[in-house]
Amino acid sequence: MSVQEILVINGPNLNLLGQRQPEIYGYDTLQSIEAKCAELAGELGVAVRFGQSNHEGTIIDLIHEAREKSAAIIINAGAYTHTSIAIYDALKTFDGYIIELHISNPHAREEFRHKSWISPVADAVMAGAGAYGYELATRLAAEKIKSA
């Protein structure tokens, strides 16, 4: 049996982690988060692959590709969380485990961040744990796909 893959999708502006609003998002870079998750995934017997785009269509393409390659998706869609019905529709086509992830707690921020188009299709939602949330989500996704 091949190693099961978790796809971690990062939306707009997450390529600037460590530089953009560190008082909200911290000082970890997306590359350092990816390295920590890859190490953890190896320990858990799964694979993890990261993708990031500032473009909605590219995120949708990643979700479509995951339908054939991945057992779980962890998605931090950034601001698209609150605006993209297209990403919602794409996630509905994915049969694996889905975790919605936020570095900050959107419910403790501006009101427009309180509505998520991803939550209705997610199996779990993680918010407010900072960059460590990626490791928590990787651990949860690995547990769910290995027990399925």
C-alpha atoms as a PDB file:
ATOM      1  CA  MET A   1       0.000   0.000   0.000  1.00  0.00           C
ATOM      2  CA  SER A   2       1.324   3.441  -0.898  1.00  0.00           C
ATOM      3  CA  VAL A   3       1.783   6.237   1.611  1.00  0.00           C
ATOM      4  CA  GLN A   4      -1.323   8.375   1.874  1.00  0.00           C
ATOM      5  CA  GLU A   5      -0.953  12.060   1.028  1.00  0.00           C
ATOM      6  CA  ILE A   6      -2.251  15.130   2.823  1.00  0.00           C
ATOM      7  CA  LEU A   7      -2.453  18.206   0.624  1.00  0.00           C
ATOM      8  CA  VAL A   8      -2.022  21.505   2.475  1.00  0.00           C
ATOM      9  CA  ILE A   9      -3.455  24.396   0.456  1.00  0.00           C
ATOM     10  CA  ASN A  10      -2.549  27.973   1.341  1.00  0.00           C
ATOM     11  CA  GLY A  11      -4.364  30.924  -0.126  1.00  0.00           C
ATOM     12  CA  PRO A  12      -3.589  34.571  -0.796  1.00  0.00           C
ATOM     13  CA  ASN A  13      -0.831  36.368   1.069  1.00  0.00           C
ATOM     14  CA  LEU A  14       0.264  33.281   2.998  1.00  0.00           C
ATOM     15  CA  ASN A  15       3.472  33.305   0.948  1.00  0.00           C
ATOM     16  CA  LEU A  16       4.313  36.381   3.066  1.00  0.00           C
ATOM     17  CA  LEU A  17       4.086  34.618   6.442  1.00  0.00           C
ATOM     18  CA  GLY A  18       6.815  35.831   8.759  1.00  0.00           C
ATOM     19  CA  GLN A  19       6.750  39.261   7.090  1.00  0.00           C
ATOM     20  CA  ARG A  20       3.076  40.277   6.904  1.00  0.00           C
ATOM     21  CA  GLN A  21       1.414  41.373  10.143  1.00  0.00           C
ATOM     22  CA  PRO A  22       3.546  39.219  12.462  1.00  0.00           C
ATOM     23  CA  GLU A  23       1.507  40.496  15.415  1.00  0.00           C
ATOM     24  CA  ILE A  24      -1.396  38.475  13.969  1.00  0.00           C
ATOM     25  CA  TYR A  25       0.281  35.690  11.992  1.00  0.00           C
ATOM     26  CA  GLY A  26       3.603  35.246  13.809  1.00  0.00           C
ATOM     27  CA  TYR A  27       7.144  35.018  12.515  1.00  0.00           C
ATOM     28  CA  ASP A  28       7.138  31.491  11.075  1.00  0.00           C
ATOM     29  CA  THR A  29       7.488  31.376   7.307  1.00  0.00           C
ATOM     30  CA  LEU A  30       5.444  29.081   5.095  1.00  0.00           C
ATOM     31  CA  GLN A  31       8.691  27.228   4.304  1.00  0.00           C
ATOM     32  CA  SER A  32       9.438  26.607   7.999  1.00  0.00           C
ATOM     33  CA  ILE A  33       5.859  25.431   8.593  1.00  0.00           C
ATOM     34  CA  GLU A  34       6.135  23.091   5.618  1.00  0.00           C
ATOM     35  CA  ALA A  35       9.408  21.631   6.943  1.00  0.00           C
ATOM     36  CA  LYS A  36       7.891  20.967  10.386  1.00  0.00           C
ATOM     37  CA  CYS A  37       4.819  19.327   8.846  1.00  0.00           C
ATOM     38  CA  ALA A  38       6.926  17.183   6.507  1.00  0.00           C
ATOM     39  CA  GLU A  39       8.982  15.906   9.442  1.00  0.00           C
ATOM     40  CA  LEU A  40       5.845  15.187  11.459  1.00  0.00           C
ATOM     41  CA  ALA A  41       4.134  13.482   8.511  1.00  0.00           C
ATOM     42  CA  GLY A  42       7.138  11.194   8.105  1.00  0.00           C
ATOM     43  CA  GLU A  43       6.896  10.215  11.766  1.00  0.00           C
ATOM     44  CA  LEU A  44       3.171   9.521  11.325  1.00  0.00           C
ATOM     45  CA  GLY A  45       3.625   7.423   8.182  1.00  0.00           C
ATOM     46  CA  VAL A  46       1.920   9.786   5.748  1.00  0.00           C
ATOM     47  CA  ALA A  47       3.109  12.231   3.104  1.00  0.00           C
ATOM     48  CA  VAL A  48       2.381  15.940   3.075  1.00  0.00           C
ATOM     49  CA  ARG A  49       2.470  18.245   0.070  1.00  0.00           C
ATOM     50  CA  PHE A  50       2.081  22.014   0.249  1.00  0.00           C
ATOM     51  CA  GLY A  51       0.622  24.316  -2.374  1.00  0.00           C
ATOM     52  CA  GLN A  52       0.143  28.082  -2.200  1.00  0.00           C
ATOM     53  CA  SER A  53      -1.479  30.513  -4.576  1.00  0.00           C
ATOM     54  CA  ASN A  54      -2.756  34.044  -4.556  1.00  0.00           C
ATOM     55  CA  HIS A  55      -5.151  33.033  -7.352  1.00  0.00           C
ATOM     56  CA  GLU A  56      -8.537  31.437  -6.771  1.00  0.00           C
ATOM     57  CA  GLY A  57      -8.458  29.323  -9.928  1.00  0.00           C
ATOM     58  CA  THR A  58      -5.107  27.775  -9.010  1.00  0.00           C
ATOM     59  CA  ILE A  59      -6.492  26.810  -5.599  1.00  0.00           C
ATOM     60  CA  ILE A  60      -9.459  25.164  -7.321  1.00  0.00           C
ATOM     61  CA  ASP A  61      -7.059  23.294  -9.630  1.00  0.00           C
ATOM     62  CA  LEU A  62      -5.168  22.004  -6.558  1.00  0.00           C
ATOM     63  CA  ILE A  63      -8.429  20.733  -5.066  1.00  0.00           C
ATOM     64  CA  HIS A  64      -9.369  19.012  -8.338  1.00  0.00           C
ATOM     65  CA  GLU A  65      -5.927  17.386  -8.509  1.00  0.00           C
ATOM     66  CA  ALA A  66      -6.302  16.207  -4.903  1.00  0.00           C
ATOM     67  CA  ARG A  67      -9.367  14.187  -5.905  1.00  0.00           C
ATOM     68  CA  GLU A  68      -6.975  11.698  -7.558  1.00  0.00           C
ATOM     69  CA  LYS A  69      -3.869  12.043  -5.380  1.00  0.00           C
ATOM     70  CA  SER A  70      -4.741  12.954  -1.791  1.00  0.00           C
ATOM     71  CA  ALA A  71      -6.587  11.368   1.111  1.00  0.00           C
ATOM     72  CA  ALA A  72      -7.019  14.643   3.007  1.00  0.00           C
ATOM     73  CA  ILE A  73      -6.913  18.388   2.443  1.00  0.00           C
ATOM     74  CA  ILE A  74      -5.891  20.979   4.989  1.00  0.00           C
ATOM     75  CA  ILE A  75      -6.925  24.358   3.618  1.00  0.00           C
ATOM     76  CA  ASN A  76      -6.048  27.812   4.848  1.00  0.00           C
ATOM     77  CA  ALA A  77      -7.817  29.750   2.124  1.00  0.00           C
ATOM     78  CA  GLY A  78      -6.955  33.138   3.631  1.00  0.00           C
ATOM     79  CA  ALA A  79      -9.448  35.805   2.623  1.00  0.00           C
ATOM     80  CA  TYR A  80     -11.047  33.421   0.096  1.00  0.00           C
ATOM     81  CA  THR A  81     -12.543  31.661   3.132  1.00  0.00           C
ATOM     82  CA  HIS A  82     -15.040  34.508   3.371  1.00  0.00           C
ATOM     83  CA  THR A  83     -15.704  35.113  -0.314  1.00  0.00           C
ATOM     84  CA  SER A  84     -15.253  32.059  -2.531  1.00  0.00           C
ATOM     85  CA  ILE A  85     -18.257  29.970  -3.392  1.00  0.00           C
ATOM     86  CA  ALA A  86     -16.105  28.495  -6.175  1.00  0.00           C
ATOM     87  CA  ILE A  87     -13.661  27.020  -3.632  1.00  0.00           C
ATOM     88  CA  TYR A  88     -16.643  25.766  -1.614  1.00  0.00           C
ATOM     89  CA  ASP A  89     -18.003  24.044  -4.737  1.00  0.00           C
ATOM     90  CA  ALA A  90     -14.598  22.494  -5.528  1.00  0.00           C
ATOM     91  CA  LEU A  91     -14.216  21.169  -1.986  1.00  0.00           C
ATOM     92  CA  LYS A  92     -17.644  19.533  -2.275  1.00  0.00           C
ATOM     93  CA  THR A  93     -16.208  17.322  -5.059  1.00  0.00           C
ATOM     94  CA  PHE A  94     -13.459  15.971  -2.774  1.00  0.00           C
ATOM     95  CA  ASP A  95     -14.304  12.699  -1.020  1.00  0.00           C
ATOM     96  CA  GLY A  96     -11.464  12.731   1.520  1.00  0.00           C
ATOM     97  CA  TYR A  97     -11.098  14.379   4.913  1.00  0.00           C
ATOM     98  CA  ILE A  98     -11.105  18.214   4.911  1.00  0.00           C
ATOM     99  CA  ILE A  99      -9.747  20.505   7.615  1.00  0.00           C
ATOM    100  CA  GLU A 100     -10.309  24.260   7.469  1.00  0.00           C
ATOM    101  CA  LEU A 101      -7.350  25.997   9.105  1.00  0.00           C
ATOM    102  CA  HIS A 102      -6.727  29.547  10.303  1.00  0.00           C
ATOM    103  CA  ILE A 103      -3.603  30.855  12.013  1.00  0.00           C
ATOM    104  CA  SER A 104      -5.592  33.529  13.843  1.00  0.00           C
ATOM    105  CA  ASN A 105      -9.106  33.257  15.230  1.00  0.00           C
ATOM    106  CA  PRO A 106     -11.333  34.860  12.561  1.00  0.00           C
ATOM    107  CA  HIS A 107     -14.194  35.162  15.068  1.00  0.00           C
ATOM    108  CA  ALA A 108     -12.072  37.498  17.188  1.00  0.00           C
ATOM    109  CA  ARG A 109     -11.361  39.759  14.212  1.00  0.00           C
ATOM    110  CA  GLU A 110     -13.400  41.926  11.839  1.00  0.00           C
ATOM    111  CA  GLU A 111     -17.027  40.943  11.361  1.00  0.00           C
ATOM    112  CA  PHE A 112     -16.571  40.156   7.658  1.00  0.00           C
ATOM    113  CA  ARG A 113     -14.216  37.317   8.708  1.00  0.00           C
ATOM    114  CA  HIS A 114     -16.929  35.598  10.762  1.00  0.00           C
ATOM    115  CA  LYS A 115     -18.595  33.945   7.717  1.00  0.00           C
ATOM    116  CA  SER A 116     -16.800  30.967   6.193  1.00  0.00           C
ATOM    117  CA  TRP A 117     -17.770  29.312   2.923  1.00  0.00           C
ATOM    118  CA  ILE A 118     -15.421  26.429   3.780  1.00  0.00           C
ATOM    119  CA  SER A 119     -16.817  25.421   7.183  1.00  0.00           C
ATOM    120  CA  PRO A 120     -19.975  23.800   5.753  1.00  0.00           C
ATOM    121  CA  VAL A 121     -17.875  21.309   3.759  1.00  0.00           C
ATOM    122  CA  ALA A 122     -15.071  20.814   6.303  1.00  0.00           C
ATOM    123  CA  ASP A 123     -14.896  17.842   8.641  1.00  0.00           C
ATOM    124  CA  ALA A 124     -12.989  19.947  11.190  1.00  0.00           C
ATOM    125  CA  VAL A 125     -12.076  23.591  11.744  1.00  0.00           C
ATOM    126  CA  MET A 126      -8.918  24.740  13.531  1.00  0.00           C
ATOM    127  CA  ALA A 127      -8.348  28.372  14.381  1.00  0.00           C
ATOM    128  CA  GLY A 128      -6.216  30.504  16.636  1.00  0.00           C
ATOM    129  CA  ALA A 129      -3.314  28.122  17.331  1.00  0.00           C
ATOM    130  CA  GLY A 130      -0.846  30.127  15.268  1.00  0.00           C
ATOM    131  CA  ALA A 131       1.545  28.307  12.956  1.00  0.00           C
ATOM    132  CA  TYR A 132       1.349  25.311  15.316  1.00  0.00           C
ATOM    133  CA  GLY A 133      -2.162  24.756  13.967  1.00  0.00           C
ATOM    134  CA  TYR A 134      -0.595  23.284  10.824  1.00  0.00           C
ATOM    135  CA  GLU A 135       1.060  20.558  12.896  1.00  0.00           C
ATOM    136  CA  LEU A 136      -2.145  19.898  14.820  1.00  0.00           C
ATOM    137  CA  ALA A 137      -4.081  19.650  11.559  1.00  0.00           C
ATOM    138  CA  THR A 138      -1.451  17.325  10.058  1.00  0.00           C
ATOM    139  CA  ARG A 139      -1.702  15.070  13.106  1.00  0.00           C
ATOM    140  CA  LEU A 140      -5.519  14.993  12.925  1.00  0.00           C
ATOM    141  CA  ALA A 141      -5.590  14.382   9.172  1.00  0.00           C
ATOM    142  CA  ALA A 142      -3.067  11.546   9.504  1.00  0.00           C
ATOM    143  CA  GLU A 143      -5.126   9.911  12.242  1.00  0.00           C
ATOM    144  CA  LYS A 144      -8.339  10.183  10.233  1.00  0.00           C
ATOM    145  CA  ILE A 145      -6.981   8.830   6.961  1.00  0.00           C
ATOM    146  CA  LYS A 146      -5.083   5.973   8.614  1.00  0.00           C
ATOM    147  CA  SER A 147      -8.201   4.873  10.499  1.00  0.00           C
ATOM    148  CA  ALA A 148     -10.523   5.147   7.474  1.00  0.00           C
END
